[in-house]
């Protein structure tokens, strides 16, 4: 069985449990990402579930090593197991006693997995945490869910983080926030893909193949516009319905998120009004065309975009390469038009990559 098919079936085991996926798609499972390349392997990202579970805010933990969660009754053998795995760059799973910000202890099922570059060197560590409220009731099914979640999230995060590479030279590695500043938006983009995947799994009996890209792209674009939009800037979108594979959906979704976010962030410097327009069309010859246009200040002629000098540019280039897609950037007197063609067969995606 192909690897992609194995991963799809493993994830389907989670998707069959509505409660489990509802938690995962909203990332109710606590997630931590740390940077082993910085001194003392500091936390560079935590999600909302981590804040709710531990009582610690993001601002209180970013830049710190995870050891602050340990306390007087934490078993040293569990701590040593974690340290040994991190030192060797291995996966590890352990049930460990941690402490909330209030001082209340709780048992935490913790899975840590390295996210490595092309040389095998860990560039980040992904941690998934699940509070065990009744350890006697936990089963191997729960372990399988966490393990499958780890596999899916690690695969997608590795694609994001390994393509980003080293931080820009103008930024200091001592500031972990600058190394991963766009990760929350990218993680939310992945969550939306996973939610569409659940919907597909529920409708599989009707013959649906792949993920409905039209609905997914509309949600992602609207989410970016909500968070990155500004007063006076309109956003309009027209998206055709089409189905694609999970792998294609993840890549196209991330490209859309990066491109629309870039338009809102940079296109309207010094302007009070403007618009951003998204069009995604199904091409008659196969594939899709995504066009993002704005009437802002335009990209300066001397600047190449996407640029290999920026994290977002490197990520977009890597995603385009993985899709064998092409990008054309047109600069006008007012604004920029970005056109991306993805040559994927929209009629036979179930067999593609399987």
C-alpha atoms as a PDB file:
ATOM      1  CA  UNK A   1       0.000   0.000   0.000  1.00  0.00           C
ATOM      2  CA  UNK A   2       1.341   3.437  -0.906  1.00  0.00           C
ATOM      3  CA  UNK A   3       2.444   5.733   1.911  1.00  0.00           C
ATOM      4  CA  UNK A   4      -0.167   8.361   1.035  1.00  0.00           C
ATOM      5  CA  UNK A   5      -2.936   5.752   1.188  1.00  0.00           C
ATOM      6  CA  UNK A   6      -1.652   4.441   4.532  1.00  0.00           C
ATOM      7  CA  UNK A   7      -1.678   7.947   5.971  1.00  0.00           C
ATOM      8  CA  UNK A   8      -5.188   8.593   4.645  1.00  0.00           C
ATOM      9  CA  UNK A   9      -6.535   5.407   6.219  1.00  0.00           C
ATOM     10  CA  UNK A  10      -4.743   6.074   9.512  1.00  0.00           C
ATOM     11  CA  UNK A  11      -6.268   9.529   9.662  1.00  0.00           C
ATOM     12  CA  UNK A  12      -9.678   8.109   8.799  1.00  0.00           C
ATOM     13  CA  UNK A  13      -9.501   6.130  12.042  1.00  0.00           C
ATOM     14  CA  UNK A  14      -9.582   9.477  13.855  1.00  0.00           C
ATOM     15  CA  UNK A  15     -12.155  11.019  11.593  1.00  0.00           C
ATOM     16  CA  UNK A  16     -14.628   8.276  12.457  1.00  0.00           C
ATOM     17  CA  UNK A  17     -14.710   9.616  16.025  1.00  0.00           C
ATOM     18  CA  UNK A  18     -16.521  12.958  15.857  1.00  0.00           C
ATOM     19  CA  UNK A  19     -15.475  14.046  19.349  1.00  0.00           C
ATOM     20  CA  UNK A  20     -11.829  13.297  18.664  1.00  0.00           C
ATOM     21  CA  UNK A  21     -11.742  15.216  15.399  1.00  0.00           C
ATOM     22  CA  UNK A  22     -13.743  18.129  16.760  1.00  0.00           C
ATOM     23  CA  UNK A  23     -10.983  18.510  19.307  1.00  0.00           C
ATOM     24  CA  UNK A  24      -8.231  18.076  16.756  1.00  0.00           C
ATOM     25  CA  UNK A  25      -9.629  20.323  14.054  1.00  0.00           C
ATOM     26  CA  UNK A  26      -9.875  23.143  16.580  1.00  0.00           C
ATOM     27  CA  UNK A  27      -6.538  22.039  18.067  1.00  0.00           C
ATOM     28  CA  UNK A  28      -8.072  21.412  21.510  1.00  0.00           C
ATOM     29  CA  UNK A  29      -5.083  19.149  22.003  1.00  0.00           C
ATOM     30  CA  UNK A  30      -2.298  21.316  23.399  1.00  0.00           C
ATOM     31  CA  UNK A  31       0.461  22.025  20.909  1.00  0.00           C
ATOM     32  CA  UNK A  32       3.946  23.345  21.591  1.00  0.00           C
ATOM     33  CA  UNK A  33       6.768  24.025  19.156  1.00  0.00           C
ATOM     34  CA  UNK A  34      10.305  24.570  20.408  1.00  0.00           C
ATOM     35  CA  UNK A  35      13.520  25.634  18.692  1.00  0.00           C
ATOM     36  CA  UNK A  36      16.513  23.393  19.508  1.00  0.00           C
ATOM     37  CA  UNK A  37      18.829  25.648  17.471  1.00  0.00           C
ATOM     38  CA  UNK A  38      18.375  28.476  19.984  1.00  0.00           C
ATOM     39  CA  UNK A  39      19.920  28.396  23.477  1.00  0.00           C
ATOM     40  CA  UNK A  40      18.002  26.144  25.907  1.00  0.00           C
ATOM     41  CA  UNK A  41      15.509  24.953  23.263  1.00  0.00           C
ATOM     42  CA  UNK A  42      12.896  27.678  23.953  1.00  0.00           C
ATOM     43  CA  UNK A  43       9.190  27.588  23.159  1.00  0.00           C
ATOM     44  CA  UNK A  44       8.390  29.520  19.981  1.00  0.00           C
ATOM     45  CA  UNK A  45       4.682  28.691  19.708  1.00  0.00           C
ATOM     46  CA  UNK A  46       1.812  27.456  21.870  1.00  0.00           C
ATOM     47  CA  UNK A  47      -1.834  27.188  20.872  1.00  0.00           C
ATOM     48  CA  UNK A  48      -5.002  28.240  22.688  1.00  0.00           C
ATOM     49  CA  UNK A  49      -5.502  24.768  24.139  1.00  0.00           C
ATOM     50  CA  UNK A  50      -2.118  25.001  25.869  1.00  0.00           C
ATOM     51  CA  UNK A  51      -3.167  28.269  27.508  1.00  0.00           C
ATOM     52  CA  UNK A  52      -6.480  26.786  28.669  1.00  0.00           C
ATOM     53  CA  UNK A  53      -4.916  23.595  29.996  1.00  0.00           C
ATOM     54  CA  UNK A  54      -1.922  25.063  31.801  1.00  0.00           C
ATOM     55  CA  UNK A  55      -3.207  28.515  32.728  1.00  0.00           C
ATOM     56  CA  UNK A  56      -0.064  30.105  31.248  1.00  0.00           C
ATOM     57  CA  UNK A  57      -0.422  32.827  28.612  1.00  0.00           C
ATOM     58  CA  UNK A  58       1.625  32.896  25.438  1.00  0.00           C
ATOM     59  CA  UNK A  59       3.560  35.936  26.616  1.00  0.00           C
ATOM     60  CA  UNK A  60       4.499  34.099  29.804  1.00  0.00           C
ATOM     61  CA  UNK A  61       5.987  31.064  28.044  1.00  0.00           C
ATOM     62  CA  UNK A  62       7.412  32.169  24.674  1.00  0.00           C
ATOM     63  CA  UNK A  63      11.193  32.090  24.926  1.00  0.00           C
ATOM     64  CA  UNK A  64      11.261  29.713  27.932  1.00  0.00           C
ATOM     65  CA  UNK A  65      12.199  26.056  28.153  1.00  0.00           C
ATOM     66  CA  UNK A  66       9.284  23.704  28.900  1.00  0.00           C
ATOM     67  CA  UNK A  67      10.742  22.659  32.243  1.00  0.00           C
ATOM     68  CA  UNK A  68       8.663  25.279  34.067  1.00  0.00           C
ATOM     69  CA  UNK A  69       5.739  22.831  33.787  1.00  0.00           C
ATOM     70  CA  UNK A  70       7.568  20.418  36.096  1.00  0.00           C
ATOM     71  CA  UNK A  71       7.247  20.463  39.858  1.00  0.00           C
ATOM     72  CA  UNK A  72       8.044  18.771  43.125  1.00  0.00           C
ATOM     73  CA  UNK A  73       6.247  15.498  42.347  1.00  0.00           C
ATOM     74  CA  UNK A  74       7.301  15.209  38.702  1.00  0.00           C
ATOM     75  CA  UNK A  75       9.057  11.863  38.217  1.00  0.00           C
ATOM     76  CA  UNK A  76      12.718  12.435  37.342  1.00  0.00           C
ATOM     77  CA  UNK A  77      12.683   9.271  35.200  1.00  0.00           C
ATOM     78  CA  UNK A  78      10.070  10.819  32.925  1.00  0.00           C
ATOM     79  CA  UNK A  79      12.119  14.004  32.631  1.00  0.00           C
ATOM     80  CA  UNK A  80      15.255  12.016  31.805  1.00  0.00           C
ATOM     81  CA  UNK A  81      13.361  10.110  29.114  1.00  0.00           C
ATOM     82  CA  UNK A  82      12.297  13.383  27.485  1.00  0.00           C
ATOM     83  CA  UNK A  83      15.789  14.877  27.656  1.00  0.00           C
ATOM     84  CA  UNK A  84      17.395  11.774  26.146  1.00  0.00           C
ATOM     85  CA  UNK A  85      14.986  11.731  23.208  1.00  0.00           C
ATOM     86  CA  UNK A  86      15.472  15.438  22.505  1.00  0.00           C
ATOM     87  CA  UNK A  87      19.255  15.025  22.688  1.00  0.00           C
ATOM     88  CA  UNK A  88      19.175  12.246  20.081  1.00  0.00           C
ATOM     89  CA  UNK A  89      16.386  13.758  17.951  1.00  0.00           C
ATOM     90  CA  UNK A  90      13.987  10.855  18.514  1.00  0.00           C
ATOM     91  CA  UNK A  91      10.226  10.582  19.029  1.00  0.00           C
ATOM     92  CA  UNK A  92       9.110  10.021  22.603  1.00  0.00           C
ATOM     93  CA  UNK A  93       5.818   9.491  24.432  1.00  0.00           C
ATOM     94  CA  UNK A  94       5.415   9.730  28.197  1.00  0.00           C
ATOM     95  CA  UNK A  95       2.730  10.297  30.830  1.00  0.00           C
ATOM     96  CA  UNK A  96       4.191  13.003  33.032  1.00  0.00           C
ATOM     97  CA  UNK A  97       2.973  14.978  36.042  1.00  0.00           C
ATOM     98  CA  UNK A  98       2.913  18.684  35.205  1.00  0.00           C
ATOM     99  CA  UNK A  99       1.703  21.753  37.056  1.00  0.00           C
ATOM    100  CA  UNK A 100      -0.639  24.536  35.993  1.00  0.00           C
ATOM    101  CA  UNK A 101       0.138  28.191  36.609  1.00  0.00           C
ATOM    102  CA  UNK A 102      -2.087  27.944  39.701  1.00  0.00           C
ATOM    103  CA  UNK A 103       0.130  25.204  41.120  1.00  0.00           C
ATOM    104  CA  UNK A 104      -2.470  22.470  40.537  1.00  0.00           C
ATOM    105  CA  UNK A 105      -0.894  19.194  39.325  1.00  0.00           C
ATOM    106  CA  UNK A 106      -2.274  17.256  36.367  1.00  0.00           C
ATOM    107  CA  UNK A 107      -1.186  14.165  34.445  1.00  0.00           C
ATOM    108  CA  UNK A 108      -0.185  14.960  30.904  1.00  0.00           C
ATOM    109  CA  UNK A 109       0.178  12.483  28.040  1.00  0.00           C
ATOM    110  CA  UNK A 110       2.989  14.070  26.051  1.00  0.00           C
ATOM    111  CA  UNK A 111       4.222  13.135  22.572  1.00  0.00           C
ATOM    112  CA  UNK A 112       7.311  14.883  21.229  1.00  0.00           C
ATOM    113  CA  UNK A 113       8.494  14.518  17.635  1.00  0.00           C
ATOM    114  CA  UNK A 114      11.338  16.245  15.789  1.00  0.00           C
ATOM    115  CA  UNK A 115      10.738  18.258  12.634  1.00  0.00           C
ATOM    116  CA  UNK A 116      13.937  17.829  10.634  1.00  0.00           C
ATOM    117  CA  UNK A 117      15.560  19.503   7.645  1.00  0.00           C
ATOM    118  CA  UNK A 118      16.774  17.666   4.553  1.00  0.00           C
ATOM    119  CA  UNK A 119      19.935  16.567   6.383  1.00  0.00           C
ATOM    120  CA  UNK A 120      17.978  14.975   9.218  1.00  0.00           C
ATOM    121  CA  UNK A 121      18.885  17.689  11.724  1.00  0.00           C
ATOM    122  CA  UNK A 122      15.978  18.644  14.014  1.00  0.00           C
ATOM    123  CA  UNK A 123      15.110  22.289  13.402  1.00  0.00           C
ATOM    124  CA  UNK A 124      12.016  22.264  15.629  1.00  0.00           C
ATOM    125  CA  UNK A 125      10.329  19.918  18.079  1.00  0.00           C
ATOM    126  CA  UNK A 126       6.565  19.394  17.965  1.00  0.00           C
ATOM    127  CA  UNK A 127       4.880  18.582  21.262  1.00  0.00           C
ATOM    128  CA  UNK A 128       1.286  17.332  21.568  1.00  0.00           C
ATOM    129  CA  UNK A 129      -0.227  17.224  25.043  1.00  0.00           C
ATOM    130  CA  UNK A 130      -3.429  15.656  26.284  1.00  0.00           C
ATOM    131  CA  UNK A 131      -4.550  15.955  29.878  1.00  0.00           C
ATOM    132  CA  UNK A 132      -5.438  12.563  31.400  1.00  0.00           C
ATOM    133  CA  UNK A 133      -8.373  13.159  33.715  1.00  0.00           C
ATOM    134  CA  UNK A 134      -8.877   9.452  34.363  1.00  0.00           C
ATOM    135  CA  UNK A 135      -5.742   7.444  33.619  1.00  0.00           C
ATOM    136  CA  UNK A 136      -7.520   4.147  34.282  1.00  0.00           C
ATOM    137  CA  UNK A 137      -9.920   4.840  31.435  1.00  0.00           C
ATOM    138  CA  UNK A 138      -7.307   5.694  28.791  1.00  0.00           C
ATOM    139  CA  UNK A 139      -7.021   3.058  26.062  1.00  0.00           C
ATOM    140  CA  UNK A 140      -4.779   2.159  23.164  1.00  0.00           C
ATOM    141  CA  UNK A 141      -7.378   3.855  20.903  1.00  0.00           C
ATOM    142  CA  UNK A 142      -6.499   7.175  22.523  1.00  0.00           C
ATOM    143  CA  UNK A 143      -2.828   6.498  21.838  1.00  0.00           C
ATOM    144  CA  UNK A 144      -3.631   5.695  18.202  1.00  0.00           C
ATOM    145  CA  UNK A 145      -5.500   8.989  17.816  1.00  0.00           C
ATOM    146  CA  UNK A 146      -2.624  11.010  19.212  1.00  0.00           C
ATOM    147  CA  UNK A 147      -0.120   9.127  17.083  1.00  0.00           C
ATOM    148  CA  UNK A 148      -2.104   9.664  13.875  1.00  0.00           C
ATOM    149  CA  UNK A 149      -2.555  13.342  14.733  1.00  0.00           C
ATOM    150  CA  UNK A 150       1.196  13.605  15.256  1.00  0.00           C
ATOM    151  CA  UNK A 151       1.894  12.001  11.877  1.00  0.00           C
ATOM    152  CA  UNK A 152      -0.441  14.307   9.974  1.00  0.00           C
ATOM    153  CA  UNK A 153       0.584  17.510  11.760  1.00  0.00           C
ATOM    154  CA  UNK A 154       4.297  16.704  11.660  1.00  0.00           C
ATOM    155  CA  UNK A 155       4.166  15.981   7.932  1.00  0.00           C
ATOM    156  CA  UNK A 156       2.458  19.284   7.176  1.00  0.00           C
ATOM    157  CA  UNK A 157       4.557  21.306   9.620  1.00  0.00           C
ATOM    158  CA  UNK A 158       7.736  19.808   8.207  1.00  0.00           C
ATOM    159  CA  UNK A 159       6.704  21.005   4.761  1.00  0.00           C
ATOM    160  CA  UNK A 160       6.165  24.511   6.145  1.00  0.00           C
ATOM    161  CA  UNK A 161       9.135  24.826   8.474  1.00  0.00           C
ATOM    162  CA  UNK A 162      11.823  23.055   6.443  1.00  0.00           C
ATOM    163  CA  UNK A 163      11.101  25.265   3.427  1.00  0.00           C
ATOM    164  CA  UNK A 164      11.411  28.397   5.529  1.00  0.00           C
ATOM    165  CA  UNK A 165      14.980  27.602   6.535  1.00  0.00           C
ATOM    166  CA  UNK A 166      17.172  30.044   8.420  1.00  0.00           C
ATOM    167  CA  UNK A 167      15.737  33.375   9.606  1.00  0.00           C
ATOM    168  CA  UNK A 168      16.503  36.574   7.740  1.00  0.00           C
ATOM    169  CA  UNK A 169      19.893  37.962   8.594  1.00  0.00           C
ATOM    170  CA  UNK A 170      18.359  41.176   9.872  1.00  0.00           C
ATOM    171  CA  UNK A 171      16.533  39.226  12.584  1.00  0.00           C
ATOM    172  CA  UNK A 172      18.127  37.903  15.748  1.00  0.00           C
ATOM    173  CA  UNK A 173      17.921  34.197  16.561  1.00  0.00           C
ATOM    174  CA  UNK A 174      17.699  35.247  20.202  1.00  0.00           C
ATOM    175  CA  UNK A 175      14.147  36.475  19.552  1.00  0.00           C
ATOM    176  CA  UNK A 176      12.058  33.322  18.980  1.00  0.00           C
ATOM    177  CA  UNK A 177       8.969  35.335  18.066  1.00  0.00           C
ATOM    178  CA  UNK A 178      10.588  36.570  14.854  1.00  0.00           C
ATOM    179  CA  UNK A 179      11.443  33.055  13.722  1.00  0.00           C
ATOM    180  CA  UNK A 180       7.923  31.753  13.619  1.00  0.00           C
ATOM    181  CA  UNK A 181       5.726  34.849  13.621  1.00  0.00           C
ATOM    182  CA  UNK A 182       3.349  33.624  10.905  1.00  0.00           C
ATOM    183  CA  UNK A 183       2.933  30.090  12.283  1.00  0.00           C
ATOM    184  CA  UNK A 184      -0.460  30.677  14.000  1.00  0.00           C
ATOM    185  CA  UNK A 185      -1.996  31.735  10.671  1.00  0.00           C
ATOM    186  CA  UNK A 186      -0.427  28.758   8.898  1.00  0.00           C
ATOM    187  CA  UNK A 187      -1.625  26.357  11.583  1.00  0.00           C
ATOM    188  CA  UNK A 188      -5.145  27.756  11.326  1.00  0.00           C
ATOM    189  CA  UNK A 189      -4.951  27.197   7.577  1.00  0.00           C
ATOM    190  CA  UNK A 190      -4.061  23.533   8.201  1.00  0.00           C
ATOM    191  CA  UNK A 191      -6.937  23.202  10.670  1.00  0.00           C
ATOM    192  CA  UNK A 192      -9.398  24.307   8.002  1.00  0.00           C
ATOM    193  CA  UNK A 193      -7.998  21.668   5.629  1.00  0.00           C
ATOM    194  CA  UNK A 194      -8.453  18.993   8.295  1.00  0.00           C
ATOM    195  CA  UNK A 195     -12.044  20.080   8.901  1.00  0.00           C
ATOM    196  CA  UNK A 196     -12.819  19.744   5.194  1.00  0.00           C
ATOM    197  CA  UNK A 197     -11.153  16.326   5.296  1.00  0.00           C
ATOM    198  CA  UNK A 198     -13.568  15.256   8.020  1.00  0.00           C
ATOM    199  CA  UNK A 199     -16.518  16.423   5.934  1.00  0.00           C
ATOM    200  CA  UNK A 200     -15.203  14.409   2.996  1.00  0.00           C
ATOM    201  CA  UNK A 201     -14.851  11.345   5.199  1.00  0.00           C
ATOM    202  CA  UNK A 202     -18.477  11.690   6.344  1.00  0.00           C
ATOM    203  CA  UNK A 203     -19.640  11.973   2.716  1.00  0.00           C
ATOM    204  CA  UNK A 204     -17.431   9.206   1.307  1.00  0.00           C
ATOM    205  CA  UNK A 205     -20.439   6.927   0.851  1.00  0.00           C
ATOM    206  CA  UNK A 206     -21.865   9.375  -1.683  1.00  0.00           C
ATOM    207  CA  UNK A 207     -18.841   9.007  -3.931  1.00  0.00           C
ATOM    208  CA  UNK A 208     -17.072  12.291  -3.177  1.00  0.00           C
ATOM    209  CA  UNK A 209     -13.374  12.122  -4.061  1.00  0.00           C
ATOM    210  CA  UNK A 210     -10.829  14.417  -2.456  1.00  0.00           C
ATOM    211  CA  UNK A 211     -11.476  17.731  -0.712  1.00  0.00           C
ATOM    212  CA  UNK A 212     -13.934  20.359  -1.945  1.00  0.00           C
ATOM    213  CA  UNK A 213     -11.441  23.108  -2.725  1.00  0.00           C
ATOM    214  CA  UNK A 214     -14.009  25.829  -3.407  1.00  0.00           C
ATOM    215  CA  UNK A 215     -15.446  25.743   0.106  1.00  0.00           C
ATOM    216  CA  UNK A 216     -11.998  25.435   1.662  1.00  0.00           C
ATOM    217  CA  UNK A 217     -10.499  28.369  -0.253  1.00  0.00           C
ATOM    218  CA  UNK A 218     -13.456  30.593   0.595  1.00  0.00           C
ATOM    219  CA  UNK A 219     -13.057  29.881   4.301  1.00  0.00           C
ATOM    220  CA  UNK A 220      -9.301  30.419   4.279  1.00  0.00           C
ATOM    221  CA  UNK A 221      -9.506  33.661   2.317  1.00  0.00           C
ATOM    222  CA  UNK A 222     -12.281  34.992   4.545  1.00  0.00           C
ATOM    223  CA  UNK A 223     -10.290  34.062   7.647  1.00  0.00           C
ATOM    224  CA  UNK A 224      -7.175  35.886   6.396  1.00  0.00           C
ATOM    225  CA  UNK A 225      -9.246  38.908   5.382  1.00  0.00           C
ATOM    226  CA  UNK A 226     -10.858  38.993   8.825  1.00  0.00           C
ATOM    227  CA  UNK A 227      -7.522  39.002  10.668  1.00  0.00           C
ATOM    228  CA  UNK A 228      -5.361  40.971   8.221  1.00  0.00           C
ATOM    229  CA  UNK A 229      -7.967  43.298   6.744  1.00  0.00           C
ATOM    230  CA  UNK A 230      -8.037  46.994   7.481  1.00  0.00           C
ATOM    231  CA  UNK A 231     -10.597  49.828   7.357  1.00  0.00           C
ATOM    232  CA  UNK A 232     -11.290  51.076   3.839  1.00  0.00           C
ATOM    233  CA  UNK A 233     -10.021  47.958   2.047  1.00  0.00           C
ATOM    234  CA  UNK A 234     -12.684  45.781   0.387  1.00  0.00           C
ATOM    235  CA  UNK A 235     -12.278  42.072  -0.218  1.00  0.00           C
ATOM    236  CA  UNK A 236     -14.169  40.190  -2.924  1.00  0.00           C
ATOM    237  CA  UNK A 237     -13.859  36.583  -4.000  1.00  0.00           C
ATOM    238  CA  UNK A 238     -15.190  34.261  -6.677  1.00  0.00           C
ATOM    239  CA  UNK A 239     -14.246  30.611  -6.285  1.00  0.00           C
ATOM    240  CA  UNK A 240     -15.315  27.696  -8.492  1.00  0.00           C
ATOM    241  CA  UNK A 241     -16.211  24.336  -6.994  1.00  0.00           C
ATOM    242  CA  UNK A 242     -13.692  21.548  -7.545  1.00  0.00           C
ATOM    243  CA  UNK A 243     -12.279  18.560  -5.712  1.00  0.00           C
ATOM    244  CA  UNK A 244      -8.576  17.888  -5.154  1.00  0.00           C
ATOM    245  CA  UNK A 245      -6.442  15.463  -3.184  1.00  0.00           C
ATOM    246  CA  UNK A 246      -5.482  16.177   0.438  1.00  0.00           C
ATOM    247  CA  UNK A 247      -1.857  16.866  -0.502  1.00  0.00           C
ATOM    248  CA  UNK A 248      -2.889  19.334  -3.222  1.00  0.00           C
ATOM    249  CA  UNK A 249      -5.384  21.005  -0.894  1.00  0.00           C
ATOM    250  CA  UNK A 250      -2.758  21.599   1.796  1.00  0.00           C
ATOM    251  CA  UNK A 251      -0.320  23.189  -0.646  1.00  0.00           C
ATOM    252  CA  UNK A 252      -2.878  25.331  -2.484  1.00  0.00           C
ATOM    253  CA  UNK A 253      -4.398  26.442   0.817  1.00  0.00           C
ATOM    254  CA  UNK A 254      -1.037  27.578   2.168  1.00  0.00           C
ATOM    255  CA  UNK A 255      -0.202  29.418  -1.072  1.00  0.00           C
ATOM    256  CA  UNK A 256      -3.526  31.229  -0.868  1.00  0.00           C
ATOM    257  CA  UNK A 257      -2.990  32.130   2.780  1.00  0.00           C
ATOM    258  CA  UNK A 258       0.498  33.508   2.133  1.00  0.00           C
ATOM    259  CA  UNK A 259      -0.493  35.471  -0.982  1.00  0.00           C
ATOM    260  CA  UNK A 260      -3.688  37.057   0.338  1.00  0.00           C
ATOM    261  CA  UNK A 261      -1.991  37.900   3.627  1.00  0.00           C
ATOM    262  CA  UNK A 262       0.858  39.544   1.730  1.00  0.00           C
ATOM    263  CA  UNK A 263      -1.602  41.674  -0.254  1.00  0.00           C
ATOM    264  CA  UNK A 264      -3.377  42.971   2.853  1.00  0.00           C
ATOM    265  CA  UNK A 265      -0.105  43.538   4.702  1.00  0.00           C
ATOM    266  CA  UNK A 266       1.930  45.374   2.044  1.00  0.00           C
ATOM    267  CA  UNK A 267      -0.306  46.645  -0.764  1.00  0.00           C
ATOM    268  CA  UNK A 268      -1.865  49.646   0.940  1.00  0.00           C
ATOM    269  CA  UNK A 269       0.957  51.470   2.714  1.00  0.00           C
ATOM    270  CA  UNK A 270      -0.075  55.113   2.900  1.00  0.00           C
ATOM    271  CA  UNK A 271      -3.490  54.478   1.320  1.00  0.00           C
ATOM    272  CA  UNK A 272      -6.921  54.870   2.920  1.00  0.00           C
ATOM    273  CA  UNK A 273      -8.918  52.875   0.367  1.00  0.00           C
ATOM    274  CA  UNK A 274      -8.455  49.861  -1.840  1.00  0.00           C
ATOM    275  CA  UNK A 275      -9.579  46.375  -2.720  1.00  0.00           C
ATOM    276  CA  UNK A 276      -8.221  42.832  -2.827  1.00  0.00           C
ATOM    277  CA  UNK A 277      -9.846  40.368  -5.215  1.00  0.00           C
ATOM    278  CA  UNK A 278      -9.518  36.580  -5.291  1.00  0.00           C
ATOM    279  CA  UNK A 279     -10.587  34.411  -8.213  1.00  0.00           C
ATOM    280  CA  UNK A 280     -10.081  30.651  -8.436  1.00  0.00           C
ATOM    281  CA  UNK A 281     -11.232  29.114 -11.699  1.00  0.00           C
ATOM    282  CA  UNK A 282     -11.397  25.552 -12.907  1.00  0.00           C
ATOM    283  CA  UNK A 283      -9.630  25.384 -16.263  1.00  0.00           C
ATOM    284  CA  UNK A 284     -11.241  23.542 -19.173  1.00  0.00           C
ATOM    285  CA  UNK A 285      -7.953  21.833 -20.038  1.00  0.00           C
ATOM    286  CA  UNK A 286      -7.522  20.597 -16.470  1.00  0.00           C
ATOM    287  CA  UNK A 287      -6.110  22.211 -13.389  1.00  0.00           C
ATOM    288  CA  UNK A 288      -6.947  25.480 -11.720  1.00  0.00           C
ATOM    289  CA  UNK A 289      -5.987  29.130 -11.929  1.00  0.00           C
ATOM    290  CA  UNK A 290      -5.765  31.306  -8.831  1.00  0.00           C
ATOM    291  CA  UNK A 291      -5.612  35.079  -9.293  1.00  0.00           C
ATOM    292  CA  UNK A 292      -5.026  37.552  -6.445  1.00  0.00           C
ATOM    293  CA  UNK A 293      -5.170  41.211  -7.442  1.00  0.00           C
ATOM    294  CA  UNK A 294      -5.141  44.536  -5.609  1.00  0.00           C
ATOM    295  CA  UNK A 295      -5.184  48.227  -6.490  1.00  0.00           C
ATOM    296  CA  UNK A 296      -2.545  49.208  -3.969  1.00  0.00           C
ATOM    297  CA  UNK A 297       0.919  50.705  -4.270  1.00  0.00           C
ATOM    298  CA  UNK A 298       2.271  47.800  -6.337  1.00  0.00           C
ATOM    299  CA  UNK A 299       5.437  45.769  -5.930  1.00  0.00           C
ATOM    300  CA  UNK A 300       8.528  47.893  -6.714  1.00  0.00           C
ATOM    301  CA  UNK A 301      10.154  46.942 -10.022  1.00  0.00           C
ATOM    302  CA  UNK A 302      13.481  46.176  -8.349  1.00  0.00           C
ATOM    303  CA  UNK A 303      11.936  43.575  -6.005  1.00  0.00           C
ATOM    304  CA  UNK A 304      11.427  39.961  -7.082  1.00  0.00           C
ATOM    305  CA  UNK A 305       8.350  38.260  -5.629  1.00  0.00           C
ATOM    306  CA  UNK A 306       8.157  35.722  -4.174  1.00  0.00           C
ATOM    307  CA  UNK A 307      11.603  36.461  -2.783  1.00  0.00           C
ATOM    308  CA  UNK A 308      14.052  33.802  -1.604  1.00  0.00           C
ATOM    309  CA  UNK A 309      15.239  36.348   0.979  1.00  0.00           C
ATOM    310  CA  UNK A 310      12.014  36.068   3.006  1.00  0.00           C
ATOM    311  CA  UNK A 311      10.388  33.167   4.842  1.00  0.00           C
ATOM    312  CA  UNK A 312       7.076  33.587   3.055  1.00  0.00           C
ATOM    313  CA  UNK A 313       8.792  33.755  -0.313  1.00  0.00           C
ATOM    314  CA  UNK A 314      10.738  30.571   0.331  1.00  0.00           C
ATOM    315  CA  UNK A 315       7.597  28.818   1.489  1.00  0.00           C
ATOM    316  CA  UNK A 316       5.612  29.858  -1.595  1.00  0.00           C
ATOM    317  CA  UNK A 317       8.445  28.747  -3.896  1.00  0.00           C
ATOM    318  CA  UNK A 318       8.599  25.353  -2.195  1.00  0.00           C
ATOM    319  CA  UNK A 319       4.833  24.888  -2.378  1.00  0.00           C
ATOM    320  CA  UNK A 320       4.741  25.848  -6.057  1.00  0.00           C
ATOM    321  CA  UNK A 321       7.543  23.409  -6.805  1.00  0.00           C
ATOM    322  CA  UNK A 322       5.677  20.605  -5.023  1.00  0.00           C
ATOM    323  CA  UNK A 323       2.639  21.259  -7.226  1.00  0.00           C
ATOM    324  CA  UNK A 324       4.640  21.775 -10.433  1.00  0.00           C
ATOM    325  CA  UNK A 325       2.753  25.071 -10.588  1.00  0.00           C
ATOM    326  CA  UNK A 326       3.685  28.335 -12.307  1.00  0.00           C
ATOM    327  CA  UNK A 327       3.397  31.884 -11.024  1.00  0.00           C
ATOM    328  CA  UNK A 328       3.221  35.169 -12.925  1.00  0.00           C
ATOM    329  CA  UNK A 329       3.353  38.565 -11.230  1.00  0.00           C
ATOM    330  CA  UNK A 330       2.150  41.624 -13.136  1.00  0.00           C
ATOM    331  CA  UNK A 331       2.932  45.092 -11.825  1.00  0.00           C
ATOM    332  CA  UNK A 332       0.688  47.949 -12.861  1.00  0.00           C
ATOM    333  CA  UNK A 333       0.524  51.671 -12.225  1.00  0.00           C
ATOM    334  CA  UNK A 334      -1.939  50.792  -9.499  1.00  0.00           C
ATOM    335  CA  UNK A 335      -1.556  47.476  -7.780  1.00  0.00           C
ATOM    336  CA  UNK A 336      -0.364  43.965  -8.469  1.00  0.00           C
ATOM    337  CA  UNK A 337      -1.860  40.864 -10.080  1.00  0.00           C
ATOM    338  CA  UNK A 338      -0.563  37.438  -9.036  1.00  0.00           C
ATOM    339  CA  UNK A 339      -1.659  34.523 -11.255  1.00  0.00           C
ATOM    340  CA  UNK A 340      -0.899  30.925 -10.268  1.00  0.00           C
ATOM    341  CA  UNK A 341      -1.676  27.921 -12.479  1.00  0.00           C
ATOM    342  CA  UNK A 342      -1.780  24.468 -10.890  1.00  0.00           C
ATOM    343  CA  UNK A 343      -1.709  21.662 -13.486  1.00  0.00           C
ATOM    344  CA  UNK A 344      -3.646  19.042 -11.565  1.00  0.00           C
ATOM    345  CA  UNK A 345      -6.208  16.688 -13.107  1.00  0.00           C
ATOM    346  CA  UNK A 346      -9.397  17.628 -11.257  1.00  0.00           C
ATOM    347  CA  UNK A 347     -11.294  14.655 -12.690  1.00  0.00           C
ATOM    348  CA  UNK A 348      -9.037  11.852 -11.484  1.00  0.00           C
ATOM    349  CA  UNK A 349      -7.587  12.982  -8.184  1.00  0.00           C
ATOM    350  CA  UNK A 350      -8.448   9.909  -6.148  1.00  0.00           C
ATOM    351  CA  UNK A 351      -5.804   7.891  -7.970  1.00  0.00           C
ATOM    352  CA  UNK A 352      -3.210  10.660  -8.105  1.00  0.00           C
ATOM    353  CA  UNK A 353      -0.432   9.954  -5.610  1.00  0.00           C
ATOM    354  CA  UNK A 354      -2.205   6.920  -4.146  1.00  0.00           C
END
